C-alpha atoms as a PDB file:
ATOM      1  CA  MET A   1      14.481  21.512  -2.092  1.00  0.00           C
ATOM      2  CA  ASP A   2      17.106  20.503   0.472  1.00  0.00           C
ATOM      3  CA  GLU A   3      15.278  17.376   1.612  1.00  0.00           C
ATOM      4  CA  ALA A   4      15.775  14.504  -0.857  1.00  0.00           C
ATOM      5  CA  ILE A   5      13.940  11.201  -1.274  1.00  0.00           C
ATOM      6  CA  ALA A   6      14.967   8.479  -3.712  1.00  0.00           C
ATOM      7  CA  VAL A   7      12.199   6.930  -5.813  1.00  0.00           C
ATOM      8  CA  TYR A   8      13.000   3.512  -7.196  1.00  0.00           C
ATOM      9  CA  GLY A   9      10.928   2.885 -10.317  1.00  0.00           C
ATOM     10  CA  GLY A  10      10.272   6.592 -10.737  1.00  0.00           C
ATOM     11  CA  ASN A  11       9.546   6.175 -14.447  1.00  0.00           C
ATOM     12  CA  GLY A  12       6.566   3.854 -13.850  1.00  0.00           C
ATOM     13  CA  TYR A  13       2.942   4.914 -13.575  1.00  0.00           C
ATOM     14  CA  GLN A  14       2.820   5.045  -9.765  1.00  0.00           C
ATOM     15  CA  GLY A  15       6.395   6.276  -9.614  1.00  0.00           C
ATOM     16  CA  LYS A  16       5.634   9.359 -11.698  1.00  0.00           C
ATOM     17  CA  LEU A  17       2.723  10.225  -9.404  1.00  0.00           C
ATOM     18  CA  VAL A  18       5.092   9.957  -6.443  1.00  0.00           C
ATOM     19  CA  LEU A  19       7.643  12.203  -8.187  1.00  0.00           C
ATOM     20  CA  ALA A  20       4.907  14.775  -8.817  1.00  0.00           C
ATOM     21  CA  GLU A  21       3.782  14.647  -5.187  1.00  0.00           C
ATOM     22  CA  LEU A  22       7.342  15.174  -3.958  1.00  0.00           C
ATOM     23  CA  VAL A  23       7.729  18.208  -6.205  1.00  0.00           C
ATOM     24  CA  ALA A  24       4.401  19.594  -4.981  1.00  0.00           C
ATOM     25  CA  ARG A  25       5.572  19.139  -1.374  1.00  0.00           C
ATOM     26  CA  GLY A  26       8.884  20.919  -2.006  1.00  0.00           C
ATOM     27  CA  ILE A  27      10.920  17.733  -1.541  1.00  0.00           C
ATOM     28  CA  ARG A  28      13.677  16.939  -4.029  1.00  0.00           C
ATOM     29  CA  PRO A  29      12.982  13.631  -5.790  1.00  0.00           C
ATOM     30  CA  ILE A  30      15.860  11.494  -6.992  1.00  0.00           C
ATOM     31  CA  PRO A  31      14.608   9.002  -9.583  1.00  0.00           C
ATOM     32  CA  VAL A  32      16.435   5.669  -9.474  1.00  0.00           C
ATOM     33  CA  GLY A  33      16.285   2.779 -11.942  1.00  0.00           C
ATOM     34  CA  ARG A  34      18.033   1.031 -14.786  1.00  0.00           C
ATOM     35  CA  ASP A  35      17.112   3.316 -17.707  1.00  0.00           C
ATOM     36  CA  ARG A  36      18.490   6.869 -17.550  1.00  0.00           C
ATOM     37  CA  ALA A  37      16.499   8.097 -20.549  1.00  0.00           C
ATOM     38  CA  ARG A  38      13.161   6.930 -19.175  1.00  0.00           C
ATOM     39  CA  LEU A  39      13.949   8.301 -15.711  1.00  0.00           C
ATOM     40  CA  SER A  40      14.923  11.674 -17.188  1.00  0.00           C
ATOM     41  CA  ALA A  41      11.721  11.801 -19.235  1.00  0.00           C
ATOM     42  CA  ALA A  42       9.638  11.048 -16.143  1.00  0.00           C
ATOM     43  CA  ALA A  43      11.431  13.746 -14.143  1.00  0.00           C
ATOM     44  CA  LEU A  44      10.946  16.334 -16.877  1.00  0.00           C
ATOM     45  CA  ALA A  45       7.254  15.388 -17.110  1.00  0.00           C
ATOM     46  CA  VAL A  46       6.712  16.418 -13.475  1.00  0.00           C
ATOM     47  CA  GLY A  47       8.586  19.707 -13.816  1.00  0.00           C
ATOM     48  CA  LEU A  48      12.163  18.841 -12.862  1.00  0.00           C
ATOM     49  CA  ASP A  49      14.376  20.730 -15.318  1.00  0.00           C
ATOM     50  CA  ASP A  50      17.721  19.542 -13.965  1.00  0.00           C
ATOM     51  CA  PRO A  51      16.982  16.265 -12.157  1.00  0.00           C
ATOM     52  CA  GLU A  52      19.573  14.176 -10.373  1.00  0.00           C
ATOM     53  CA  ILE A  53      19.240  10.711 -11.894  1.00  0.00           C
ATOM     54  CA  ARG A  54      20.839   7.682 -10.279  1.00  0.00           C
ATOM     55  CA  VAL A  55      21.146   4.610 -12.492  1.00  0.00           C
ATOM     56  CA  ALA A  56      21.070   1.263 -10.705  1.00  0.00           C
ATOM     57  CA  ALA A  57      19.796  -2.083 -11.900  1.00  0.00           C
ATOM     58  CA  LEU A  58      18.280  -4.580  -9.486  1.00  0.00           C
ATOM     59  CA  GLU A  59      21.094  -6.988 -10.250  1.00  0.00           C
ATOM     60  CA  ASP A  60      23.764  -4.444  -9.252  1.00  0.00           C
ATOM     61  CA  GLU A  61      23.625  -4.388  -5.460  1.00  0.00           C
ATOM     62  CA  ALA A  62      26.550  -1.993  -5.082  1.00  0.00           C
ATOM     63  CA  ALA A  63      24.940   0.527  -7.439  1.00  0.00           C
ATOM     64  CA  LEU A  64      21.626   0.226  -5.598  1.00  0.00           C
ATOM     65  CA  VAL A  65      23.267   0.840  -2.235  1.00  0.00           C
ATOM     66  CA  ALA A  66      25.119   3.872  -3.603  1.00  0.00           C
ATOM     67  CA  ALA A  67      21.890   5.215  -5.133  1.00  0.00           C
ATOM     68  CA  PHE A  68      20.179   5.121  -1.747  1.00  0.00           C
ATOM     69  CA  GLU A  69      22.909   6.932   0.192  1.00  0.00           C
ATOM     70  CA  ASP A  70      22.683  10.588   1.215  1.00  0.00           C
ATOM     71  CA  VAL A  71      18.880  10.747   1.020  1.00  0.00           C
ATOM     72  CA  GLU A  72      16.253  10.928   3.774  1.00  0.00           C
ATOM     73  CA  ALA A  73      14.294   7.871   2.605  1.00  0.00           C
ATOM     74  CA  VAL A  74      13.602   5.461  -0.258  1.00  0.00           C
ATOM     75  CA  ILE A  75      10.187   4.961  -1.866  1.00  0.00           C
ATOM     76  CA  ASN A  76       9.992   1.797  -3.966  1.00  0.00           C
ATOM     77  CA  CYS A  77       7.314   1.961  -6.672  1.00  0.00           C
ATOM     78  CA  ALA A  78       8.728  -0.774  -8.924  1.00  0.00           C
ATOM     79  CA  GLY A  79       6.146  -3.525  -8.870  1.00  0.00           C
ATOM     80  CA  PRO A  80       5.472  -6.361  -9.107  1.00  0.00           C
ATOM     81  CA  PHE A  81       7.210  -6.502  -5.736  1.00  0.00           C
ATOM     82  CA  THR A  82       7.075 -10.241  -5.112  1.00  0.00           C
ATOM     83  CA  GLY A  83      10.166 -11.008  -7.168  1.00  0.00           C
ATOM     84  CA  THR A  84      12.122  -7.769  -6.727  1.00  0.00           C
ATOM     85  CA  GLY A  85      11.109  -5.832  -3.628  1.00  0.00           C
ATOM     86  CA  ARG A  86      13.376  -7.632  -1.185  1.00  0.00           C
ATOM     87  CA  ARG A  87      16.472  -6.652  -3.202  1.00  0.00           C
ATOM     88  CA  VAL A  88      15.558  -2.988  -2.879  1.00  0.00           C
ATOM     89  CA  ILE A  89      14.991  -3.364   0.867  1.00  0.00           C
ATOM     90  CA  ARG A  90      18.399  -5.004   1.307  1.00  0.00           C
ATOM     91  CA  ALA A  91      20.051  -2.130  -0.519  1.00  0.00           C
ATOM     92  CA  ALA A  92      18.204   0.504   1.517  1.00  0.00           C
ATOM     93  CA  ALA A  93      19.166  -1.301   4.724  1.00  0.00           C
ATOM     94  CA  ALA A  94      22.807  -1.457   3.626  1.00  0.00           C
ATOM     95  CA  ALA A  95      22.696   2.288   2.887  1.00  0.00           C
ATOM     96  CA  ARG A  96      21.114   2.858   6.336  1.00  0.00           C
ATOM     97  CA  THR A  97      18.179   4.654   4.692  1.00  0.00           C
ATOM     98  CA  PRO A  98      14.520   4.234   5.791  1.00  0.00           C
ATOM     99  CA  TYR A  99      12.334   2.442   3.263  1.00  0.00           C
ATOM    100  CA  VAL A 100       8.685   2.429   2.180  1.00  0.00           C
ATOM    101  CA  ASP A 101       6.995   0.840  -0.813  1.00  0.00           C
ATOM    102  CA  THR A 102       3.604   0.988  -2.487  1.00  0.00           C
ATOM    103  CA  ALA A 103       3.050  -2.777  -2.654  1.00  0.00           C
ATOM    104  CA  GLY A 104      -0.403  -4.320  -2.546  1.00  0.00           C
ATOM    105  CA  GLU A 105       0.785  -7.926  -2.744  1.00  0.00           C
ATOM    106  CA  GLN A 106      -0.185  -9.588   0.532  1.00  0.00           C
ATOM    107  CA  GLU A 107       2.233 -12.526   0.420  1.00  0.00           C
ATOM    108  CA  TYR A 108       5.126 -10.215  -0.400  1.00  0.00           C
ATOM    109  CA  VAL A 109       4.269  -7.934   2.522  1.00  0.00           C
ATOM    110  CA  LYS A 110       4.158 -10.888   4.906  1.00  0.00           C
ATOM    111  CA  SER A 111       7.525 -12.079   3.585  1.00  0.00           C
ATOM    112  CA  VAL A 112       9.004  -8.644   4.343  1.00  0.00           C
ATOM    113  CA  PHE A 113       7.931  -8.946   7.980  1.00  0.00           C
ATOM    114  CA  ASP A 114       9.290 -12.496   8.118  1.00  0.00           C
ATOM    115  CA  THR A 115      12.616 -11.648   6.466  1.00  0.00           C
ATOM    116  CA  PHE A 116      13.630  -8.179   7.654  1.00  0.00           C
ATOM    117  CA  ALA A 117      12.508  -8.058  11.284  1.00  0.00           C
ATOM    118  CA  GLY A 118      16.057  -7.144  12.321  1.00  0.00           C
ATOM    119  CA  ALA A 119      16.630  -4.464   9.671  1.00  0.00           C
ATOM    120  CA  PRO A 120      18.880  -1.612  10.883  1.00  0.00           C
ATOM    121  CA  VAL A 121      16.442   0.972   9.471  1.00  0.00           C
ATOM    122  CA  SER A 122      12.692   1.546   9.540  1.00  0.00           C
ATOM    123  CA  VAL A 123      10.887  -0.447   6.845  1.00  0.00           C
ATOM    124  CA  VAL A 124       7.187   0.170   6.087  1.00  0.00           C
ATOM    125  CA  PRO A 125       5.823  -1.926   3.206  1.00  0.00           C
ATOM    126  CA  ALA A 126       2.383  -1.359   1.650  1.00  0.00           C
ATOM    127  CA  ALA A 127       2.324   2.426   2.119  1.00  0.00           C
ATOM    128  CA  ASN A 128      -0.705   2.642  -0.127  1.00  0.00           C
ATOM    129  CA  ASP A 129      -4.266   3.969  -0.213  1.00  0.00           C
ATOM    130  CA  GLY A 130      -5.711   0.945   1.602  1.00  0.00           C
ATOM    131  CA  CYS A 131      -3.221  -0.481   4.055  1.00  0.00           C
ATOM    132  CA  VAL A 132      -2.089   2.708   5.792  1.00  0.00           C
ATOM    133  CA  PRO A 133      -5.439   4.389   6.599  1.00  0.00           C
ATOM    134  CA  VAL A 134      -7.200   1.090   7.375  1.00  0.00           C
ATOM    135  CA  ASP A 135      -4.380  -0.108   9.618  1.00  0.00           C
ATOM    136  CA  LEU A 136      -4.302   3.215  11.483  1.00  0.00           C
ATOM    137  CA  LEU A 137      -8.093   3.314  11.829  1.00  0.00           C
ATOM    138  CA  ALA A 138      -8.200  -0.235  13.194  1.00  0.00           C
ATOM    139  CA  HIS A 139      -5.643   0.816  15.807  1.00  0.00           C
ATOM    140  CA  LEU A 140      -7.814   3.714  16.953  1.00  0.00           C
ATOM    141  CA  MET A 141     -10.923   1.557  16.987  1.00  0.00           C
ATOM    142  CA  ALA A 142      -9.249  -1.097  19.117  1.00  0.00           C
ATOM    143  CA  GLY A 143      -8.637   1.522  21.768  1.00  0.00           C
ATOM    144  CA  GLU A 144     -12.374   2.265  21.923  1.00  0.00           C
ATOM    145  CA  VAL A 145     -13.609  -1.358  22.103  1.00  0.00           C
ATOM    146  CA  ARG A 146     -13.272  -3.450  25.279  1.00  0.00           C
ATOM    147  CA  ARG A 147     -12.758  -6.736  23.488  1.00  0.00           C
ATOM    148  CA  THR A 148     -12.377  -7.722  19.849  1.00  0.00           C
ATOM    149  CA  ASP A 149     -13.021 -11.236  18.574  1.00  0.00           C
ATOM    150  CA  ARG A 150     -12.768 -10.604  14.862  1.00  0.00           C
ATOM    151  CA  ILE A 151     -12.115  -7.824  12.356  1.00  0.00           C
ATOM    152  CA  VAL A 152     -13.550  -7.992   8.839  1.00  0.00           C
ATOM    153  CA  LEU A 153     -12.104  -5.624   6.227  1.00  0.00           C
ATOM    154  CA  THR A 154     -14.056  -4.753   3.082  1.00  0.00           C
ATOM    155  CA  HIS A 155     -12.734  -2.845   0.060  1.00  0.00           C
ATOM    156  CA  VAL A 156     -15.083  -1.244  -2.481  1.00  0.00           C
ATOM    157  CA  ILE A 157     -13.755   0.690  -5.480  1.00  0.00           C
ATOM    158  CA  ALA A 158     -15.940   2.228  -8.196  1.00  0.00           C
ATOM    159  CA  GLY A 159     -14.774   3.829 -11.433  1.00  0.00           C
ATOM    160  CA  GLY A 160     -11.239   4.957 -12.110  1.00  0.00           C
ATOM    161  CA  GLY A 161     -10.700   3.718 -15.632  1.00  0.00           C
ATOM    162  CA  GLY A 162      -9.136   0.402 -14.698  1.00  0.00           C
ATOM    163  CA  PRO A 163      -5.820  -0.633 -13.148  1.00  0.00           C
ATOM    164  CA  SER A 164      -2.341   0.327 -14.303  1.00  0.00           C
ATOM    165  CA  ARG A 165      -0.148  -2.098 -16.223  1.00  0.00           C
ATOM    166  CA  GLY A 166       1.937  -2.540 -13.078  1.00  0.00           C
ATOM    167  CA  SER A 167      -1.120  -3.512 -11.060  1.00  0.00           C
ATOM    168  CA  LEU A 168      -2.148  -6.001 -13.737  1.00  0.00           C
ATOM    169  CA  ARG A 169       1.329  -7.543 -13.717  1.00  0.00           C
ATOM    170  CA  SER A 170       1.166  -7.845  -9.936  1.00  0.00           C
ATOM    171  CA  ALA A 171      -2.236  -9.532 -10.150  1.00  0.00           C
ATOM    172  CA  LEU A 172      -0.936 -11.968 -12.759  1.00  0.00           C
ATOM    173  CA  GLY A 173       2.125 -12.761 -10.657  1.00  0.00           C
ATOM    174  CA  THR A 174       0.051 -13.449  -7.542  1.00  0.00           C
ATOM    175  CA  LEU A 175      -2.878 -15.174  -9.215  1.00  0.00           C
ATOM    176  CA  ASP A 176      -2.682 -18.250  -6.968  1.00  0.00           C
ATOM    177  CA  SER A 177      -3.092 -16.043  -3.908  1.00  0.00           C
ATOM    178  CA  LEU A 178      -5.980 -14.137  -5.488  1.00  0.00           C
ATOM    179  CA  VAL A 179      -7.785 -17.374  -6.294  1.00  0.00           C
ATOM    180  CA  SER A 180      -7.202 -18.970  -2.868  1.00  0.00           C
ATOM    181  CA  GLY A 181      -7.957 -15.790  -0.910  1.00  0.00           C
ATOM    182  CA  GLY A 182      -4.460 -15.466   0.512  1.00  0.00           C
ATOM    183  CA  PHE A 183      -3.727 -15.236   4.214  1.00  0.00           C
ATOM    184  CA  THR A 184      -6.348 -14.945   6.935  1.00  0.00           C
ATOM    185  CA  TYR A 185      -5.434 -14.392  10.575  1.00  0.00           C
ATOM    186  CA  VAL A 186      -7.137 -17.176  12.530  1.00  0.00           C
ATOM    187  CA  ASP A 187      -6.721 -17.858  16.256  1.00  0.00           C
ATOM    188  CA  GLY A 188      -3.444 -15.977  16.372  1.00  0.00           C
ATOM    189  CA  GLU A 189      -1.894 -17.476  13.220  1.00  0.00           C
ATOM    190  CA  TRP A 190      -1.813 -16.564   9.528  1.00  0.00           C
ATOM    191  CA  ARG A 191      -3.379 -19.374   7.511  1.00  0.00           C
ATOM    192  CA  THR A 192      -4.272 -19.916   3.877  1.00  0.00           C
ATOM    193  CA  ALA A 193      -7.337 -21.405   2.165  1.00  0.00           C
ATOM    194  CA  VAL A 194      -9.665 -20.369   5.008  1.00  0.00           C
ATOM    195  CA  PRO A 195     -13.316 -19.889   3.953  1.00  0.00           C
ATOM    196  CA  ALA A 196     -14.726 -16.415   4.481  1.00  0.00           C
ATOM    197  CA  SER A 197     -16.827 -16.035   7.615  1.00  0.00           C
ATOM    198  CA  VAL A 198     -19.115 -13.576   5.837  1.00  0.00           C
ATOM    199  CA  GLU A 199     -20.723 -13.815   2.407  1.00  0.00           C
ATOM    200  CA  GLN A 200     -22.498 -10.452   2.499  1.00  0.00           C
ATOM    201  CA  VAL A 201     -21.688  -7.001   3.903  1.00  0.00           C
ATOM    202  CA  THR A 202     -24.095  -4.083   4.163  1.00  0.00           C
ATOM    203  CA  LEU A 203     -22.023  -1.150   2.955  1.00  0.00           C
ATOM    204  CA  PRO A 204     -22.342   2.441   4.203  1.00  0.00           C
ATOM    205  CA  GLY A 205     -25.364   4.138   2.658  1.00  0.00           C
ATOM    206  CA  HIS A 206     -26.817   0.852   1.381  1.00  0.00           C
ATOM    207  CA  ASP A 207     -30.062  -0.723   2.519  1.00  0.00           C
ATOM    208  CA  ARG A 208     -29.302  -4.165   1.169  1.00  0.00           C
ATOM    209  CA  PRO A 209     -26.248  -6.354   1.708  1.00  0.00           C
ATOM    210  CA  THR A 210     -23.629  -6.808  -1.003  1.00  0.00           C
ATOM    211  CA  ASP A 211     -22.199 -10.213  -1.914  1.00  0.00           C
ATOM    212  CA  VAL A 212     -18.502 -10.446  -1.047  1.00  0.00           C
ATOM    213  CA  VAL A 213     -15.643 -12.920  -1.504  1.00  0.00           C
ATOM    214  CA  ARG A 214     -12.268 -13.357   0.114  1.00  0.00           C
ATOM    215  CA  LEU A 215      -9.410 -11.289  -1.343  1.00  0.00           C
ATOM    216  CA  PRO A 216      -5.886 -10.987   0.109  1.00  0.00           C
ATOM    217  CA  LEU A 217      -5.370  -7.497   1.536  1.00  0.00           C
ATOM    218  CA  CYS A 218      -2.196  -6.299   3.239  1.00  0.00           C
ATOM    219  CA  GLU A 219      -4.014  -5.084   6.356  1.00  0.00           C
ATOM    220  CA  VAL A 220      -4.554  -8.724   7.352  1.00  0.00           C
ATOM    221  CA  VAL A 221      -0.776  -8.909   7.772  1.00  0.00           C
ATOM    222  CA  THR A 222      -0.315  -5.595   9.610  1.00  0.00           C
ATOM    223  CA  ILE A 223      -3.286  -5.192  11.979  1.00  0.00           C
ATOM    224  CA  PRO A 224      -2.572  -8.198  14.247  1.00  0.00           C
ATOM    225  CA  ARG A 225       0.868  -6.742  14.967  1.00  0.00           C
ATOM    226  CA  HIS A 226      -0.638  -3.995  17.111  1.00  0.00           C
ATOM    227  CA  VAL A 227      -4.273  -4.964  17.785  1.00  0.00           C
ATOM    228  CA  ALA A 228      -5.162  -7.741  20.241  1.00  0.00           C
ATOM    229  CA  VAL A 229      -7.497  -9.704  17.998  1.00  0.00           C
ATOM    230  CA  GLY A 230      -7.848 -13.397  17.273  1.00  0.00           C
ATOM    231  CA  ASN A 231      -9.149 -13.220  13.694  1.00  0.00           C
ATOM    232  CA  VAL A 232      -8.704 -10.784  10.800  1.00  0.00           C
ATOM    233  CA  GLU A 233     -10.018 -11.372   7.284  1.00  0.00           C
ATOM    234  CA  SER A 234     -10.502  -9.330   4.117  1.00  0.00           C
ATOM    235  CA  VAL A 235     -13.189  -9.353   1.430  1.00  0.00           C
ATOM    236  CA  VAL A 236     -14.270  -7.408  -1.656  1.00  0.00           C
ATOM    237  CA  GLU A 237     -17.413  -7.216  -3.743  1.00  0.00           C
ATOM    238  CA  ALA A 238     -17.969 -10.578  -5.402  1.00  0.00           C
ATOM    239  CA  VAL A 239     -18.097  -9.103  -8.914  1.00  0.00           C
ATOM    240  CA  VAL A 240     -14.753  -7.351  -8.373  1.00  0.00           C
ATOM    241  CA  GLY A 241     -13.201 -10.455  -6.855  1.00  0.00           C
ATOM    242  CA  GLU A 242     -14.162 -12.563  -9.837  1.00  0.00           C
ATOM    243  CA  ARG A 243     -12.757  -9.984 -12.239  1.00  0.00           C
ATOM    244  CA  LEU A 244      -9.428  -9.877 -10.382  1.00  0.00           C
ATOM    245  CA  ARG A 245      -9.207 -13.656 -10.493  1.00  0.00           C
ATOM    246  CA  THR A 246      -9.516 -13.697 -14.270  1.00  0.00           C
ATOM    247  CA  PRO A 247      -5.966 -13.470 -15.655  1.00  0.00           C
ATOM    248  CA  ILE A 248      -5.077 -11.110 -18.488  1.00  0.00           C
ATOM    249  CA  PRO A 249      -2.390 -12.542 -20.813  1.00  0.00           C
ATOM    250  CA  PRO A 250       0.992 -10.782 -20.457  1.00  0.00           C
ATOM    251  CA  GLU A 251       1.069  -9.903 -24.153  1.00  0.00           C
ATOM    252  CA  LEU A 252      -2.288  -8.120 -23.807  1.00  0.00           C
ATOM    253  CA  ILE A 253      -1.157  -6.229 -20.695  1.00  0.00           C
ATOM    254  CA  GLU A 254       1.735  -4.711 -22.669  1.00  0.00           C
ATOM    255  CA  THR A 255      -0.686  -3.249 -25.244  1.00  0.00           C
ATOM    256  CA  LEU A 256      -2.701  -1.341 -22.631  1.00  0.00           C
ATOM    257  CA  PRO A 257      -2.099   2.257 -21.474  1.00  0.00           C
ATOM    258  CA  ASP A 258       0.319   2.786 -18.562  1.00  0.00           C
ATOM    259  CA  GLY A 259      -2.656   3.527 -16.351  1.00  0.00           C
ATOM    260  CA  PRO A 260      -5.888   5.481 -16.070  1.00  0.00           C
ATOM    261  CA  SER A 261      -6.046   9.112 -17.144  1.00  0.00           C
ATOM    262  CA  ALA A 262      -6.175  11.929 -14.609  1.00  0.00           C
ATOM    263  CA  GLU A 263      -9.825  12.465 -15.525  1.00  0.00           C
ATOM    264  CA  ALA A 264     -10.656   8.812 -14.889  1.00  0.00           C
ATOM    265  CA  ARG A 265      -8.840   8.841 -11.552  1.00  0.00           C
ATOM    266  CA  ALA A 266     -10.748  11.960 -10.502  1.00  0.00           C
ATOM    267  CA  GLY A 267     -13.994  10.061 -11.066  1.00  0.00           C
ATOM    268  CA  GLN A 268     -12.982   7.090  -8.964  1.00  0.00           C
ATOM    269  CA  ARG A 269     -14.447   6.543  -5.486  1.00  0.00           C
ATOM    270  CA  PHE A 270     -13.236   4.092  -2.877  1.00  0.00           C
ATOM    271  CA  THR A 271     -14.716   2.971   0.438  1.00  0.00           C
ATOM    272  CA  TYR A 272     -12.867   0.771   2.921  1.00  0.00           C
ATOM    273  CA  VAL A 273     -14.803  -0.635   5.872  1.00  0.00           C
ATOM    274  CA  VAL A 274     -13.441  -1.951   9.167  1.00  0.00           C
ATOM    275  CA  ASP A 275     -16.019  -4.019  11.075  1.00  0.00           C
ATOM    276  CA  VAL A 276     -15.159  -5.095  14.621  1.00  0.00           C
ATOM    277  CA  TRP A 277     -17.063  -8.191  15.740  1.00  0.00           C
ATOM    278  CA  ARG A 278     -17.738  -9.541  19.220  1.00  0.00           C
ATOM    279  CA  ALA A 279     -19.997 -12.409  20.224  1.00  0.00           C
ATOM    280  CA  GLY A 280     -21.336 -12.823  16.692  1.00  0.00           C
ATOM    281  CA  GLU A 281     -22.286  -9.195  15.968  1.00  0.00           C
ATOM    282  CA  ILE A 282     -20.678  -5.986  14.752  1.00  0.00           C
ATOM    283  CA  VAL A 283     -19.921  -3.719  17.713  1.00  0.00           C
ATOM    284  CA  SER A 284     -17.998  -0.987  15.892  1.00  0.00           C
ATOM    285  CA  ARG A 285     -17.528   0.195  12.318  1.00  0.00           C
ATOM    286  CA  GLY A 286     -14.834   2.393  10.806  1.00  0.00           C
ATOM    287  CA  VAL A 287     -14.992   3.817   7.287  1.00  0.00           C
ATOM    288  CA  VAL A 288     -12.341   5.314   5.011  1.00  0.00           C
ATOM    289  CA  GLU A 289     -13.539   7.130   1.887  1.00  0.00           C
ATOM    290  CA  GLY A 290     -11.660   8.893  -0.842  1.00  0.00           C
ATOM    291  CA  VAL A 291     -11.040   9.640  -4.497  1.00  0.00           C
ATOM    292  CA  ASP A 292      -8.266   8.294  -6.765  1.00  0.00           C
ATOM    293  CA  THR A 293      -6.456   5.283  -5.333  1.00  0.00           C
ATOM    294  CA  TYR A 294      -3.225   5.932  -7.261  1.00  0.00           C
ATOM    295  CA  GLY A 295      -3.083   9.620  -6.350  1.00  0.00           C
ATOM    296  CA  THR A 296      -3.896   8.850  -2.719  1.00  0.00           C
ATOM    297  CA  THR A 297      -1.150   6.230  -2.663  1.00  0.00           C
ATOM    298  CA  ALA A 298       1.338   8.864  -3.831  1.00  0.00           C
ATOM    299  CA  VAL A 299       0.302  11.211  -1.004  1.00  0.00           C
ATOM    300  CA  ILE A 300       0.554   8.439   1.588  1.00  0.00           C
ATOM    301  CA  ALA A 301       3.896   7.062   0.381  1.00  0.00           C
ATOM    302  CA  VAL A 302       5.494  10.516   0.362  1.00  0.00           C
ATOM    303  CA  GLU A 303       4.189  11.399   3.817  1.00  0.00           C
ATOM    304  CA  ALA A 304       5.284   8.027   5.221  1.00  0.00           C
ATOM    305  CA  ALA A 305       8.775   8.437   3.749  1.00  0.00           C
ATOM    306  CA  ARG A 306       9.016  12.018   4.986  1.00  0.00           C
ATOM    307  CA  ARG A 307       8.106  10.983   8.526  1.00  0.00           C
ATOM    308  CA  LEU A 308      10.510   8.046   8.541  1.00  0.00           C
ATOM    309  CA  GLY A 309      13.270  10.268   7.217  1.00  0.00           C
ATOM    310  CA  ALA A 310      12.678  12.725  10.051  1.00  0.00           C
ATOM    311  CA  GLY A 311      13.479   9.958  12.544  1.00  0.00           C
ATOM    312  CA  GLY A 312      11.697   8.691  15.617  1.00  0.00           C
ATOM    313  CA  ALA A 313      10.300   5.428  14.259  1.00  0.00           C
ATOM    314  CA  PRO A 314      11.713   2.125  15.534  1.00  0.00           C
ATOM    315  CA  ARG A 315      14.022   0.046  13.394  1.00  0.00           C
ATOM    316  CA  GLY A 316      12.822  -3.119  11.687  1.00  0.00           C
ATOM    317  CA  VAL A 317       9.691  -3.848   9.687  1.00  0.00           C
ATOM    318  CA  LEU A 318       6.724  -1.865  10.963  1.00  0.00           C
ATOM    319  CA  ALA A 319       2.980  -1.833  10.516  1.00  0.00           C
ATOM    320  CA  PRO A 320       1.788   1.728   9.869  1.00  0.00           C
ATOM    321  CA  ALA A 321       0.411   2.058  13.414  1.00  0.00           C
ATOM    322  CA  ASN A 322       3.785   0.939  14.821  1.00  0.00           C
ATOM    323  CA  ALA A 323       5.611   3.573  12.764  1.00  0.00           C
ATOM    324  CA  PHE A 324       3.299   6.585  13.033  1.00  0.00           C
ATOM    325  CA  SER A 325       0.821   8.240  15.380  1.00  0.00           C
ATOM    326  CA  ALA A 326      -2.506   6.883  14.110  1.00  0.00           C
ATOM    327  CA  ALA A 327      -4.586   9.971  14.880  1.00  0.00           C
ATOM    328  CA  ASP A 328      -1.980  12.424  13.594  1.00  0.00           C
ATOM    329  CA  PHE A 329      -1.432  10.612  10.296  1.00  0.00           C
ATOM    330  CA  LEU A 330      -5.162  10.160   9.722  1.00  0.00           C
ATOM    331  CA  ASN A 331      -5.742  13.843  10.442  1.00  0.00           C
ATOM    332  CA  PHE A 332      -3.080  14.696   7.867  1.00  0.00           C
ATOM    333  CA  LEU A 333      -4.869  12.495   5.352  1.00  0.00           C
ATOM    334  CA  GLY A 334      -8.118  14.260   6.247  1.00  0.00           C
ATOM    335  CA  SER A 335      -6.540  17.558   5.295  1.00  0.00           C
ATOM    336  CA  ALA A 336      -5.482  15.908   2.004  1.00  0.00           C
ATOM    337  CA  GLY A 337      -9.071  14.943   1.167  1.00  0.00           C
ATOM    338  CA  LEU A 338      -9.423  11.490   2.712  1.00  0.00           C
ATOM    339  CA  ARG A 339     -12.476  11.058   4.957  1.00  0.00           C
ATOM    340  CA  TRP A 340     -12.495   8.672   7.888  1.00  0.00           C
ATOM    341  CA  SER A 341     -14.900   7.946  10.703  1.00  0.00           C
ATOM    342  CA  MET A 342     -15.607   5.369  13.378  1.00  0.00           C
ATOM    343  CA  ARG A 343     -18.696   4.699  15.437  1.00  0.00           C
ATOM    344  CA  PRO A 344     -19.895   2.153  18.020  1.00  0.00           C
END
């Protein structure tokens, strides 16, 4: 394991999955965080007998910078990201080390683009199961369609045993955005509190339409940065949207398991739909399908970090399609079990 990637928050639920994926890929993980004992336990749990642990609290910028030196890339798994992610990016930039994170918080991701455009390293936020494949697929689809008026993104997730504690904390911390629907890209600008243009979507394999509601997805922030489109919006099944908008008290979150079991994750199915509209009708549809959102996120984050560490991506904050070859990355994900398709 000569290649090394630092994992900030490696003792968390998503972080441990990323550590395990790095080990499986033959890449040396370096867990980073504030608690040496918890980091060591996480490393041992994924099969690292003599792990290199780097202790660095968020408040200690010098320690963070030192922790991110002499590695190929940094993967930040320490959510919620809204209040902490920018500190980790600053440290990675100061260490001149490429950065990815697994964030799903739309407002945070937009703030990264707004704040770190001039970063001296490659920065790819939201390297997760939804944003990366959907962003890449939208890029390929745009090349096949003469003109695009609007893109509607739909996420459907079934099973899985429920979200991790980290995901619940992120939802609680961004509740206002979840309730309002977050950002929508309208006429070339990101706006808030915009009503959804669709109330129903007919999903792949369904004969009848499904009720949907606005939900803030990160792809709304990334797709307009490489696709010539006037409007991009994101929706989910109405029943899921309502559940996400119902806050869980912090004290209850802390009593729950770290996250779903491996068996529960194996039973989860997700479908992400990219509908390209022109003149009031859908002219092209792309579909991403897979199993286990958390496990898929680990695969995507590791591959994104590995590719950034190998060089070749521009500096600054990048949408996935600006950092990677869309077809090549999607084909890699296909070999890892993710299915994707697009049709007129």
